Amino acid sequence: MEVGILFKIATIGIIVAILNQVLVRSGRDEYTMITTLAGLIIVLMMLIPSLKQLFDYIETVFDL
């Protein structure tokens, strides 16, 4: 796994945390869940290629 993807995930986490704090303080509690879910979906979409690569590697190691 590349180190760059970890920095991207951390950056998205920081942005989502800041947005959540701003939304909570402005009284928009209903939008905090949407921003959290959007951040989670973005991170999962970034991880899908890495997970596929991991499963391919596991298949080759165990000769499945």
N, C-alpha and C. Protein backbone atom coordinates (compact mmCIF):
# COMPACT_ATOMS: atom_id res chain seq x y z
N MET A 1 0.84 -1.17 0.00
CA MET A 1 0.00 0.00 0.00
C MET A 1 0.89 1.24 0.00
N GLU A 2 0.54 2.16 -0.81
CA GLU A 2 1.33 3.38 -0.92
C GLU A 2 1.08 4.31 0.26
N VAL A 3 2.07 5.08 0.57
CA VAL A 3 1.95 6.04 1.67
C VAL A 3 1.05 7.20 1.25
N GLY A 4 1.05 7.52 -0.03
CA GLY A 4 0.25 8.63 -0.53
C GLY A 4 -1.23 8.45 -0.29
N ILE A 5 -1.71 7.22 -0.40
CA ILE A 5 -3.13 6.98 -0.19
C ILE A 5 -3.51 7.19 1.28
N LEU A 6 -2.58 6.91 2.18
CA LEU A 6 -2.84 7.17 3.60
C LEU A 6 -2.98 8.67 3.86
N PHE A 7 -2.14 9.47 3.20
CA PHE A 7 -2.25 10.91 3.37
C PHE A 7 -3.55 11.45 2.78
N LYS A 8 -3.99 10.87 1.67
CA LYS A 8 -5.27 11.28 1.07
C LYS A 8 -6.43 10.95 2.00
N ILE A 9 -6.40 9.77 2.60
CA ILE A 9 -7.46 9.37 3.53
C ILE A 9 -7.46 10.27 4.76
N ALA A 10 -6.28 10.57 5.26
CA ALA A 10 -6.19 11.46 6.42
C ALA A 10 -6.69 12.86 6.09
N THR A 11 -6.39 13.34 4.89
CA THR A 11 -6.87 14.66 4.48
C THR A 11 -8.38 14.69 4.38
N ILE A 12 -8.96 13.65 3.83
CA ILE A 12 -10.42 13.59 3.73
C ILE A 12 -11.03 13.53 5.13
N GLY A 13 -10.42 12.79 6.02
CA GLY A 13 -10.91 12.72 7.40
C GLY A 13 -10.87 14.06 8.10
N ILE A 14 -9.80 14.82 7.89
CA ILE A 14 -9.69 16.14 8.51
C ILE A 14 -10.74 17.09 7.94
N ILE A 15 -10.93 17.04 6.62
CA ILE A 15 -11.93 17.91 5.99
C ILE A 15 -13.33 17.58 6.48
N VAL A 16 -13.64 16.29 6.57
CA VAL A 16 -14.97 15.88 7.05
C VAL A 16 -15.16 16.31 8.51
N ALA A 17 -14.13 16.16 9.32
CA ALA A 17 -14.24 16.57 10.72
C ALA A 17 -14.48 18.07 10.86
N ILE A 18 -13.78 18.86 10.07
CA ILE A 18 -13.97 20.31 10.11
C ILE A 18 -15.37 20.68 9.64
N LEU A 19 -15.82 20.06 8.53
CA LEU A 19 -17.17 20.34 8.05
C LEU A 19 -18.22 19.95 9.08
N ASN A 20 -18.03 18.84 9.75
CA ASN A 20 -18.98 18.42 10.77
C ASN A 20 -19.05 19.42 11.92
N GLN A 21 -17.91 19.91 12.35
CA GLN A 21 -17.90 20.89 13.43
C GLN A 21 -18.59 22.19 13.02
N VAL A 22 -18.33 22.63 11.80
CA VAL A 22 -18.97 23.85 11.30
C VAL A 22 -20.48 23.66 11.22
N LEU A 23 -20.91 22.52 10.71
CA LEU A 23 -22.34 22.26 10.57
C LEU A 23 -23.04 22.13 11.91
N VAL A 24 -22.39 21.50 12.89
CA VAL A 24 -22.99 21.36 14.21
C VAL A 24 -23.13 22.73 14.88
N ARG A 25 -22.11 23.55 14.76
CA ARG A 25 -22.16 24.86 15.41
C ARG A 25 -23.15 25.81 14.74
N SER A 26 -23.45 25.56 13.46
CA SER A 26 -24.41 26.42 12.78
C SER A 26 -25.84 25.87 12.88
N GLY A 27 -26.01 24.76 13.60
CA GLY A 27 -27.33 24.21 13.82
C GLY A 27 -27.84 23.32 12.71
N ARG A 28 -26.97 22.88 11.84
CA ARG A 28 -27.36 22.01 10.72
C ARG A 28 -26.98 20.57 11.03
N ASP A 29 -27.54 20.04 12.11
CA ASP A 29 -27.18 18.69 12.54
C ASP A 29 -27.56 17.62 11.53
N GLU A 30 -28.60 17.86 10.75
CA GLU A 30 -29.04 16.83 9.80
C GLU A 30 -28.04 16.65 8.66
N TYR A 31 -27.24 17.67 8.39
CA TYR A 31 -26.27 17.57 7.30
C TYR A 31 -24.96 16.93 7.74
N THR A 32 -24.73 16.82 9.02
CA THR A 32 -23.47 16.22 9.48
C THR A 32 -23.40 14.74 9.11
N MET A 33 -24.52 14.05 9.22
CA MET A 33 -24.54 12.63 8.85
C MET A 33 -24.29 12.47 7.36
N ILE A 34 -24.82 13.36 6.55
CA ILE A 34 -24.63 13.28 5.10
C ILE A 34 -23.16 13.50 4.74
N THR A 35 -22.52 14.48 5.38
CA THR A 35 -21.11 14.72 5.08
C THR A 35 -20.24 13.55 5.55
N THR A 36 -20.58 12.96 6.69
CA THR A 36 -19.83 11.81 7.17
C THR A 36 -19.97 10.63 6.22
N LEU A 37 -21.18 10.37 5.76
CA LEU A 37 -21.39 9.27 4.82
C LEU A 37 -20.70 9.54 3.49
N ALA A 38 -20.72 10.78 3.04
CA ALA A 38 -20.05 11.12 1.79
C ALA A 38 -18.54 10.90 1.92
N GLY A 39 -17.96 11.29 3.04
CA GLY A 39 -16.54 11.06 3.27
C GLY A 39 -16.20 9.58 3.32
N LEU A 40 -17.07 8.79 3.95
CA LEU A 40 -16.85 7.35 4.02
C LEU A 40 -16.93 6.72 2.64
N ILE A 41 -17.89 7.13 1.84
CA ILE A 41 -18.03 6.58 0.49
C ILE A 41 -16.82 6.94 -0.37
N ILE A 42 -16.33 8.17 -0.25
CA ILE A 42 -15.16 8.58 -1.02
C ILE A 42 -13.94 7.74 -0.65
N VAL A 43 -13.75 7.52 0.65
CA VAL A 43 -12.60 6.72 1.09
C VAL A 43 -12.73 5.27 0.63
N LEU A 44 -13.93 4.72 0.71
CA LEU A 44 -14.12 3.34 0.26
C LEU A 44 -13.88 3.21 -1.24
N MET A 45 -14.29 4.19 -2.00
CA MET A 45 -14.04 4.16 -3.45
C MET A 45 -12.54 4.24 -3.74
N MET A 46 -11.80 4.95 -2.90
CA MET A 46 -10.35 5.02 -3.08
C MET A 46 -9.69 3.69 -2.72
N LEU A 47 -10.28 2.94 -1.79
CA LEU A 47 -9.66 1.71 -1.31
C LEU A 47 -10.00 0.48 -2.14
N ILE A 48 -11.02 0.56 -2.97
CA ILE A 48 -11.44 -0.61 -3.75
C ILE A 48 -10.31 -1.17 -4.61
N PRO A 49 -9.57 -0.36 -5.37
CA PRO A 49 -8.45 -0.94 -6.16
C PRO A 49 -7.39 -1.62 -5.29
N SER A 50 -7.11 -1.04 -4.12
CA SER A 50 -6.11 -1.65 -3.24
C SER A 50 -6.61 -2.97 -2.68
N LEU A 51 -7.90 -3.05 -2.36
CA LEU A 51 -8.45 -4.29 -1.86
C LEU A 51 -8.44 -5.38 -2.93
N LYS A 52 -8.74 -5.00 -4.15
CA LYS A 52 -8.69 -5.97 -5.24
C LYS A 52 -7.27 -6.50 -5.42
N GLN A 53 -6.30 -5.60 -5.34
CA GLN A 53 -4.90 -5.99 -5.47
C GLN A 53 -4.52 -6.94 -4.32
N LEU A 54 -5.01 -6.66 -3.12
CA LEU A 54 -4.73 -7.52 -1.97
C LEU A 54 -5.31 -8.91 -2.18
N PHE A 55 -6.56 -8.99 -2.64
CA PHE A 55 -7.17 -10.30 -2.86
C PHE A 55 -6.49 -11.06 -3.99
N ASP A 56 -6.05 -10.37 -5.02
CA ASP A 56 -5.29 -11.03 -6.09
C ASP A 56 -3.98 -11.60 -5.55
N TYR A 57 -3.32 -10.85 -4.68
CA TYR A 57 -2.07 -11.31 -4.09
C TYR A 57 -2.31 -12.53 -3.20
N ILE A 58 -3.40 -12.51 -2.44
CA ILE A 58 -3.72 -13.65 -1.58
C ILE A 58 -4.01 -14.89 -2.42
N GLU A 59 -4.69 -14.70 -3.56
CA GLU A 59 -4.95 -15.83 -4.45
C GLU A 59 -3.67 -16.44 -4.99
N THR A 60 -2.70 -15.61 -5.33
CA THR A 60 -1.45 -16.13 -5.86
C THR A 60 -0.61 -16.80 -4.77
N VAL A 61 -0.66 -16.27 -3.55
CA VAL A 61 0.12 -16.86 -2.48
C VAL A 61 -0.41 -18.24 -2.11
N PHE A 62 -1.73 -18.37 -2.01
CA PHE A 62 -2.31 -19.66 -1.62
C PHE A 62 -2.68 -20.52 -2.81
N ASP A 63 -2.35 -20.06 -4.02
CA ASP A 63 -2.55 -20.81 -5.25
C ASP A 63 -4.00 -21.28 -5.40
N LEU A 64 -4.91 -20.32 -5.26
CA LEU A 64 -6.35 -20.63 -5.37
C LEU A 64 -6.83 -20.50 -6.79
